[in-house]
Amino acid sequence: MTPAEYRSALAEVGLSLSGASKFFQTDERTTRRWADDDSGKTVPHAVAITLRLMAKYQLTSEDVVDLMNEADDAAGPA
């Protein structure tokens, strides 16, 4: 995912750079670097896949967190 695709995907799923940093649990500078064409920093594959799935299935970040919590609950105690 290129920086331009990353910025577009964030807009499509309704996340700001600040919101993306909270959602992906990264420093806000990191999400800005992913969005910057000149940084040379690539978007991690897992982040790209998550954003593409969110866009395809029209999921919000809250939907994804709920799904993750449901999966954790179904898995039982660690």
PDB file of N, CA and C in Angstrom:
ATOM      1  N   MET A   1       0.858  -1.172   0.000  1.00  0.00           N
ATOM      2  CA  MET A   1       0.000   0.000   0.000  1.00  0.00           C
ATOM      3  C   MET A   1       0.899   1.229   0.000  1.00  0.00           C
ATOM      4  N   THR A   2       0.667   2.075  -0.971  1.00  0.00           N
ATOM      5  CA  THR A   2       1.449   3.306  -1.078  1.00  0.00           C
ATOM      6  C   THR A   2       0.929   4.327  -0.057  1.00  0.00           C
ATOM      7  N   PRO A   3       1.706   5.362   0.202  1.00  0.00           N
ATOM      8  CA  PRO A   3       1.216   6.416   1.088  1.00  0.00           C
ATOM      9  C   PRO A   3      -0.105   7.024   0.612  1.00  0.00           C
ATOM     10  N   ALA A   4      -0.240   7.219  -0.692  1.00  0.00           N
ATOM     11  CA  ALA A   4      -1.491   7.784  -1.233  1.00  0.00           C
ATOM     12  C   ALA A   4      -2.658   6.824  -1.006  1.00  0.00           C
ATOM     13  N   GLU A   5      -2.424   5.541  -1.198  1.00  0.00           N
ATOM     14  CA  GLU A   5      -3.476   4.543  -0.946  1.00  0.00           C
ATOM     15  C   GLU A   5      -3.839   4.504   0.532  1.00  0.00           C
ATOM     16  N   TYR A   6      -2.823   4.650   1.379  1.00  0.00           N
ATOM     17  CA  TYR A   6      -3.050   4.676   2.822  1.00  0.00           C
ATOM     18  C   TYR A   6      -3.934   5.864   3.205  1.00  0.00           C
ATOM     19  N   ARG A   7      -3.596   7.036   2.700  1.00  0.00           N
ATOM     20  CA  ARG A   7      -4.401   8.226   3.001  1.00  0.00           C
ATOM     21  C   ARG A   7      -5.832   8.055   2.497  1.00  0.00           C
ATOM     22  N   SER A   8      -5.971   7.496   1.314  1.00  0.00           N
ATOM     23  CA  SER A   8      -7.294   7.262   0.738  1.00  0.00           C
ATOM     24  C   SER A   8      -8.087   6.257   1.565  1.00  0.00           C
ATOM     25  N   ALA A   9      -7.429   5.186   1.983  1.00  0.00           N
ATOM     26  CA  ALA A   9      -8.098   4.156   2.796  1.00  0.00           C
ATOM     27  C   ALA A   9      -8.548   4.724   4.134  1.00  0.00           C
ATOM     28  N   LEU A  10      -7.710   5.556   4.747  1.00  0.00           N
ATOM     29  CA  LEU A  10      -8.103   6.173   6.014  1.00  0.00           C
ATOM     30  C   LEU A  10      -9.352   7.025   5.826  1.00  0.00           C
ATOM     31  N   ALA A  11      -9.366   7.795   4.758  1.00  0.00           N
ATOM     32  CA  ALA A  11     -10.537   8.644   4.484  1.00  0.00           C
ATOM     33  C   ALA A  11     -11.775   7.788   4.249  1.00  0.00           C
ATOM     34  N   GLU A  12     -11.597   6.684   3.526  1.00  0.00           N
ATOM     35  CA  GLU A  12     -12.736   5.820   3.211  1.00  0.00           C
ATOM     36  C   GLU A  12     -13.348   5.190   4.460  1.00  0.00           C
ATOM     37  N   VAL A  13     -12.511   4.839   5.438  1.00  0.00           N
ATOM     38  CA  VAL A  13     -13.046   4.211   6.657  1.00  0.00           C
ATOM     39  C   VAL A  13     -13.291   5.229   7.771  1.00  0.00           C
ATOM     40  N   GLY A  14     -13.017   6.501   7.485  1.00  0.00           N
ATOM     41  CA  GLY A  14     -13.327   7.555   8.444  1.00  0.00           C
ATOM     42  C   GLY A  14     -12.340   7.724   9.575  1.00  0.00           C
ATOM     43  N   LEU A  15     -11.077   7.413   9.307  1.00  0.00           N
ATOM     44  CA  LEU A  15     -10.053   7.586  10.331  1.00  0.00           C
ATOM     45  C   LEU A  15      -9.132   8.747   9.977  1.00  0.00           C
ATOM     46  N   SER A  16      -8.854   9.582  10.944  1.00  0.00           N
ATOM     47  CA  SER A  16      -7.827  10.613  10.791  1.00  0.00           C
ATOM     48  C   SER A  16      -6.475   9.965  11.085  1.00  0.00           C
ATOM     49  N   LEU A  17      -5.391  10.696  10.867  1.00  0.00           N
ATOM     50  CA  LEU A  17      -4.078  10.159  11.238  1.00  0.00           C
ATOM     51  C   LEU A  17      -4.000   9.913  12.736  1.00  0.00           C
ATOM     52  N   SER A  18      -4.587  10.824  13.509  1.00  0.00           N
ATOM     53  CA  SER A  18      -4.610  10.650  14.959  1.00  0.00           C
ATOM     54  C   SER A  18      -5.439   9.421  15.342  1.00  0.00           C
ATOM     55  N   GLY A  19      -6.597   9.276  14.706  1.00  0.00           N
ATOM     56  CA  GLY A  19      -7.453   8.114  14.971  1.00  0.00           C
ATOM     57  C   GLY A  19      -6.778   6.818  14.573  1.00  0.00           C
ATOM     58  N   ALA A  20      -6.037   6.853  13.456  1.00  0.00           N
ATOM     59  CA  ALA A  20      -5.319   5.657  13.006  1.00  0.00           C
ATOM     60  C   ALA A  20      -4.224   5.277  13.998  1.00  0.00           C
ATOM     61  N   SER A  21      -3.549   6.269  14.541  1.00  0.00           N
ATOM     62  CA  SER A  21      -2.490   5.952  15.506  1.00  0.00           C
ATOM     63  C   SER A  21      -3.076   5.293  16.756  1.00  0.00           C
ATOM     64  N   LYS A  22      -4.231   5.744  17.189  1.00  0.00           N
ATOM     65  CA  LYS A  22      -4.884   5.119  18.347  1.00  0.00           C
ATOM     66  C   LYS A  22      -5.366   3.719  17.991  1.00  0.00           C
ATOM     67  N   PHE A  23      -6.012   3.583  16.824  1.00  0.00           N
ATOM     68  CA  PHE A  23      -6.565   2.302  16.416  1.00  0.00           C
ATOM     69  C   PHE A  23      -5.465   1.251  16.235  1.00  0.00           C
ATOM     70  N   PHE A  24      -4.369   1.627  15.570  1.00  0.00           N
ATOM     71  CA  PHE A  24      -3.286   0.679  15.314  1.00  0.00           C
ATOM     72  C   PHE A  24      -2.239   0.663  16.426  1.00  0.00           C
ATOM     73  N   GLN A  25      -2.473   1.443  17.478  1.00  0.00           N
ATOM     74  CA  GLN A  25      -1.610   1.497  18.658  1.00  0.00           C
ATOM     75  C   GLN A  25      -0.165   1.813  18.273  1.00  0.00           C
ATOM     76  N   THR A  26      -0.032   2.892  17.498  1.00  0.00           N
ATOM     77  CA  THR A  26       1.289   3.366  17.092  1.00  0.00           C
ATOM     78  C   THR A  26       1.425   4.830  17.482  1.00  0.00           C
ATOM     79  N   ASP A  27       2.637   5.304  17.468  1.00  0.00           N
ATOM     80  CA  ASP A  27       2.889   6.716  17.690  1.00  0.00           C
ATOM     81  C   ASP A  27       2.311   7.495  16.508  1.00  0.00           C
ATOM     82  N   GLU A  28       1.769   8.663  16.762  1.00  0.00           N
ATOM     83  CA  GLU A  28       1.176   9.458  15.687  1.00  0.00           C
ATOM     84  C   GLU A  28       2.210   9.818  14.616  1.00  0.00           C
ATOM     85  N   ARG A  29       3.468   9.979  15.011  1.00  0.00           N
ATOM     86  CA  ARG A  29       4.512  10.256  14.017  1.00  0.00           C
ATOM     87  C   ARG A  29       4.651   9.110  13.028  1.00  0.00           C
ATOM     88  N   THR A  30       4.452   7.883  13.509  1.00  0.00           N
ATOM     89  CA  THR A  30       4.541   6.715  12.628  1.00  0.00           C
ATOM     90  C   THR A  30       3.443   6.744  11.583  1.00  0.00           C
ATOM     91  N   THR A  31       2.213   7.036  11.986  1.00  0.00           N
ATOM     92  CA  THR A  31       1.121   7.078  11.006  1.00  0.00           C
ATOM     93  C   THR A  31       1.328   8.227  10.014  1.00  0.00           C
ATOM     94  N   ARG A  32       1.907   9.323  10.479  1.00  0.00           N
ATOM     95  CA  ARG A  32       2.205  10.428   9.556  1.00  0.00           C
ATOM     96  C   ARG A  32       3.274  10.014   8.545  1.00  0.00           C
ATOM     97  N   ARG A  33       4.254   9.250   8.998  1.00  0.00           N
ATOM     98  CA  ARG A  33       5.303   8.773   8.084  1.00  0.00           C
ATOM     99  C   ARG A  33       4.718   7.824   7.034  1.00  0.00           C
ATOM    100  N   TRP A  34       3.792   6.946   7.457  1.00  0.00           N
ATOM    101  CA  TRP A  34       3.142   6.038   6.499  1.00  0.00           C
ATOM    102  C   TRP A  34       2.396   6.827   5.433  1.00  0.00           C
ATOM    103  N   ALA A  35       1.860   7.986   5.809  1.00  0.00           N
ATOM    104  CA  ALA A  35       1.068   8.805   4.890  1.00  0.00           C
ATOM    105  C   ALA A  35       1.926   9.757   4.055  1.00  0.00           C
ATOM    106  N   ASP A  36       3.196   9.881   4.389  1.00  0.00           N
ATOM    107  CA  ASP A  36       4.085  10.842   3.724  1.00  0.00           C
ATOM    108  C   ASP A  36       4.808  10.179   2.554  1.00  0.00           C
ATOM    109  N   ASP A  37       4.580  10.707   1.360  1.00  0.00           N
ATOM    110  CA  ASP A  37       5.190  10.149   0.156  1.00  0.00           C
ATOM    111  C   ASP A  37       6.715  10.172   0.192  1.00  0.00           C
ATOM    112  N   ASP A  38       7.297  11.083   0.938  1.00  0.00           N
ATOM    113  CA  ASP A  38       8.752  11.255   0.933  1.00  0.00           C
ATOM    114  C   ASP A  38       9.463  10.533   2.072  1.00  0.00           C
ATOM    115  N   SER A  39       8.719   9.884   2.965  1.00  0.00           N
ATOM    116  CA  SER A  39       9.365   9.333   4.156  1.00  0.00           C
ATOM    117  C   SER A  39      10.135   8.050   3.881  1.00  0.00           C
ATOM    118  N   GLY A  40       9.736   7.292   2.860  1.00  0.00           N
ATOM    119  CA  GLY A  40      10.364   6.001   2.607  1.00  0.00           C
ATOM    120  C   GLY A  40       9.874   4.910   3.545  1.00  0.00           C
ATOM    121  N   LYS A  41       8.998   5.256   4.476  1.00  0.00           N
ATOM    122  CA  LYS A  41       8.452   4.300   5.439  1.00  0.00           C
ATOM    123  C   LYS A  41       7.241   3.626   4.807  1.00  0.00           C
ATOM    124  N   THR A  42       7.236   2.308   4.767  1.00  0.00           N
ATOM    125  CA  THR A  42       6.130   1.594   4.144  1.00  0.00           C
ATOM    126  C   THR A  42       5.049   1.247   5.166  1.00  0.00           C
ATOM    127  N   VAL A  43       3.840   1.155   4.676  1.00  0.00           N
ATOM    128  CA  VAL A  43       2.702   0.775   5.517  1.00  0.00           C
ATOM    129  C   VAL A  43       2.816  -0.727   5.775  1.00  0.00           C
ATOM    130  N   PRO A  44       2.784  -1.160   7.030  1.00  0.00           N
ATOM    131  CA  PRO A  44       2.860  -2.594   7.315  1.00  0.00           C
ATOM    132  C   PRO A  44       1.723  -3.349   6.634  1.00  0.00           C
ATOM    133  N   HIS A  45       2.026  -4.552   6.195  1.00  0.00           N
ATOM    134  CA  HIS A  45       1.058  -5.372   5.473  1.00  0.00           C
ATOM    135  C   HIS A  45      -0.220  -5.591   6.283  1.00  0.00           C
ATOM    136  N   ALA A  46      -0.092  -5.854   7.573  1.00  0.00           N
ATOM    137  CA  ALA A  46      -1.280  -6.091   8.414  1.00  0.00           C
ATOM    138  C   ALA A  46      -2.171  -4.851   8.486  1.00  0.00           C
ATOM    139  N   VAL A  47      -1.567  -3.680   8.506  1.00  0.00           N
ATOM    140  CA  VAL A  47      -2.334  -2.428   8.522  1.00  0.00           C
ATOM    141  C   VAL A  47      -3.077  -2.275   7.199  1.00  0.00           C
ATOM    142  N   ALA A  48      -2.391  -2.534   6.098  1.00  0.00           N
ATOM    143  CA  ALA A  48      -3.008  -2.425   4.782  1.00  0.00           C
ATOM    144  C   ALA A  48      -4.182  -3.396   4.648  1.00  0.00           C
ATOM    145  N   ILE A  49      -3.985  -4.628   5.070  1.00  0.00           N
ATOM    146  CA  ILE A  49      -5.063  -5.627   4.983  1.00  0.00           C
ATOM    147  C   ILE A  49      -6.248  -5.203   5.839  1.00  0.00           C
ATOM    148  N   THR A  50      -5.984  -4.740   7.049  1.00  0.00           N
ATOM    149  CA  THR A  50      -7.063  -4.314   7.939  1.00  0.00           C
ATOM    150  C   THR A  50      -7.872  -3.186   7.307  1.00  0.00           C
ATOM    151  N   LEU A  51      -7.187  -2.190   6.765  1.00  0.00           N
ATOM    152  CA  LEU A  51      -7.890  -1.071   6.142  1.00  0.00           C
ATOM    153  C   LEU A  51      -8.694  -1.514   4.928  1.00  0.00           C
ATOM    154  N   ARG A  52      -8.125  -2.408   4.123  1.00  0.00           N
ATOM    155  CA  ARG A  52      -8.857  -2.900   2.948  1.00  0.00           C
ATOM    156  C   ARG A  52     -10.097  -3.689   3.348  1.00  0.00           C
ATOM    157  N   LEU A  53      -9.987  -4.517   4.368  1.00  0.00           N
ATOM    158  CA  LEU A  53     -11.152  -5.264   4.846  1.00  0.00           C
ATOM    159  C   LEU A  53     -12.212  -4.335   5.431  1.00  0.00           C
ATOM    160  N   MET A  54     -11.756  -3.336   6.184  1.00  0.00           N
ATOM    161  CA  MET A  54     -12.700  -2.373   6.746  1.00  0.00           C
ATOM    162  C   MET A  54     -13.471  -1.666   5.632  1.00  0.00           C
ATOM    163  N   ALA A  55     -12.763  -1.266   4.580  1.00  0.00           N
ATOM    164  CA  ALA A  55     -13.417  -0.578   3.467  1.00  0.00           C
ATOM    165  C   ALA A  55     -14.370  -1.513   2.732  1.00  0.00           C
ATOM    166  N   LYS A  56     -13.919  -2.723   2.462  1.00  0.00           N
ATOM    167  CA  LYS A  56     -14.737  -3.669   1.695  1.00  0.00           C
ATOM    168  C   LYS A  56     -16.037  -4.012   2.419  1.00  0.00           C
ATOM    169  N   TYR A  57     -15.942  -4.226   3.724  1.00  0.00           N
ATOM    170  CA  TYR A  57     -17.112  -4.650   4.498  1.00  0.00           C
ATOM    171  C   TYR A  57     -17.753  -3.503   5.279  1.00  0.00           C
ATOM    172  N   GLN A  58     -17.318  -2.285   4.987  1.00  0.00           N
ATOM    173  CA  GLN A  58     -17.866  -1.078   5.607  1.00  0.00           C
ATOM    174  C   GLN A  58     -17.876  -1.180   7.138  1.00  0.00           C
ATOM    175  N   LEU A  59     -16.718  -1.535   7.676  1.00  0.00           N
ATOM    176  CA  LEU A  59     -16.550  -1.654   9.119  1.00  0.00           C
ATOM    177  C   LEU A  59     -15.897  -0.403   9.681  1.00  0.00           C
ATOM    178  N   THR A  60     -16.371   0.029  10.825  1.00  0.00           N
ATOM    179  CA  THR A  60     -15.729   1.127  11.535  1.00  0.00           C
ATOM    180  C   THR A  60     -14.649   0.549  12.442  1.00  0.00           C
ATOM    181  N   SER A  61     -13.832   1.420  12.986  1.00  0.00           N
ATOM    182  CA  SER A  61     -12.822   0.940  13.933  1.00  0.00           C
ATOM    183  C   SER A  61     -13.490   0.314  15.159  1.00  0.00           C
ATOM    184  N   GLU A  62     -14.651   0.853  15.558  1.00  0.00           N
ATOM    185  CA  GLU A  62     -15.381   0.279  16.691  1.00  0.00           C
ATOM    186  C   GLU A  62     -15.876  -1.131  16.358  1.00  0.00           C
ATOM    187  N   ASP A  63     -16.336  -1.344  15.118  1.00  0.00           N
ATOM    188  CA  ASP A  63     -16.762  -2.676  14.687  1.00  0.00           C
ATOM    189  C   ASP A  63     -15.613  -3.673  14.806  1.00  0.00           C
ATOM    190  N   VAL A  64     -14.436  -3.268  14.369  1.00  0.00           N
ATOM    191  CA  VAL A  64     -13.274  -4.158  14.399  1.00  0.00           C
ATOM    192  C   VAL A  64     -12.894  -4.486  15.835  1.00  0.00           C
ATOM    193  N   VAL A  65     -12.902  -3.496  16.707  1.00  0.00           N
ATOM    194  CA  VAL A  65     -12.587  -3.738  18.118  1.00  0.00           C
ATOM    195  C   VAL A  65     -13.606  -4.709  18.725  1.00  0.00           C
ATOM    196  N   ASP A  66     -14.887  -4.509  18.411  1.00  0.00           N
ATOM    197  CA  ASP A  66     -15.922  -5.422  18.904  1.00  0.00           C
ATOM    198  C   ASP A  66     -15.681  -6.844  18.414  1.00  0.00           C
ATOM    199  N   LEU A  67     -15.341  -7.004  17.145  1.00  0.00           N
ATOM    200  CA  LEU A  67     -15.070  -8.332  16.594  1.00  0.00           C
ATOM    201  C   LEU A  67     -13.866  -8.978  17.273  1.00  0.00           C
ATOM    202  N   MET A  68     -12.842  -8.189  17.531  1.00  0.00           N
ATOM    203  CA  MET A  68     -11.657  -8.719  18.203  1.00  0.00           C
ATOM    204  C   MET A  68     -11.999  -9.155  19.628  1.00  0.00           C
ATOM    205  N   ASN A  69     -12.806  -8.352  20.315  1.00  0.00           N
ATOM    206  CA  ASN A  69     -13.202  -8.709  21.674  1.00  0.00           C
ATOM    207  C   ASN A  69     -14.050  -9.981  21.689  1.00  0.00           C
ATOM    208  N   GLU A  70     -14.947 -10.120  20.717  1.00  0.00           N
ATOM    209  CA  GLU A  70     -15.764 -11.329  20.611  1.00  0.00           C
ATOM    210  C   GLU A  70     -14.880 -12.553  20.379  1.00  0.00           C
ATOM    211  N   ALA A  71     -13.878 -12.420  19.528  1.00  0.00           N
ATOM    212  CA  ALA A  71     -12.969 -13.531  19.262  1.00  0.00           C
ATOM    213  C   ALA A  71     -12.187 -13.892  20.513  1.00  0.00           C
ATOM    214  N   ASP A  72     -11.729 -12.880  21.260  1.00  0.00           N
ATOM    215  CA  ASP A  72     -11.017 -13.150  22.511  1.00  0.00           C
ATOM    216  C   ASP A  72     -11.906 -13.862  23.515  1.00  0.00           C
ATOM    217  N   ASP A  73     -13.161 -13.413  23.617  1.00  0.00           N
ATOM    218  CA  ASP A  73     -14.116 -14.032  24.548  1.00  0.00           C
ATOM    219  C   ASP A  73     -14.385 -15.478  24.166  1.00  0.00           C
ATOM    220  N   ALA A  74     -14.517 -15.749  22.877  1.00  0.00           N
ATOM    221  CA  ALA A  74     -14.793 -17.115  22.394  1.00  0.00           C
ATOM    222  C   ALA A  74     -13.623 -18.027  22.631  1.00  0.00           C
ATOM    223  N   ALA A  75     -12.406 -17.479  22.623  1.00  0.00           N
ATOM    224  CA  ALA A  75     -11.212 -18.285  22.818  1.00  0.00           C
ATOM    225  C   ALA A  75     -11.050 -18.730  24.270  1.00  0.00           C
ATOM    226  N   GLY A  76     -11.710 -18.030  25.169  1.00  0.00           N
ATOM    227  CA  GLY A  76     -11.628 -18.384  26.585  1.00  0.00           C
ATOM    228  C   GLY A  76     -10.375 -17.841  27.242  1.00  0.00           C
ATOM    229  N   PRO A  77     -10.147 -18.274  28.484  1.00  0.00           N
ATOM    230  CA  PRO A  77      -8.987 -17.772  29.244  1.00  0.00           C
ATOM    231  C   PRO A  77      -7.668 -18.162  28.578  1.00  0.00           C
ATOM    232  N   ALA A  78      -6.701 -17.281  28.713  1.00  0.00           N
ATOM    233  CA  ALA A  78      -5.385 -17.524  28.105  1.00  0.00           C
ATOM    234  C   ALA A  78      -4.591 -18.527  28.883  1.00  0.00           C
TER     235      ALA A  78
END
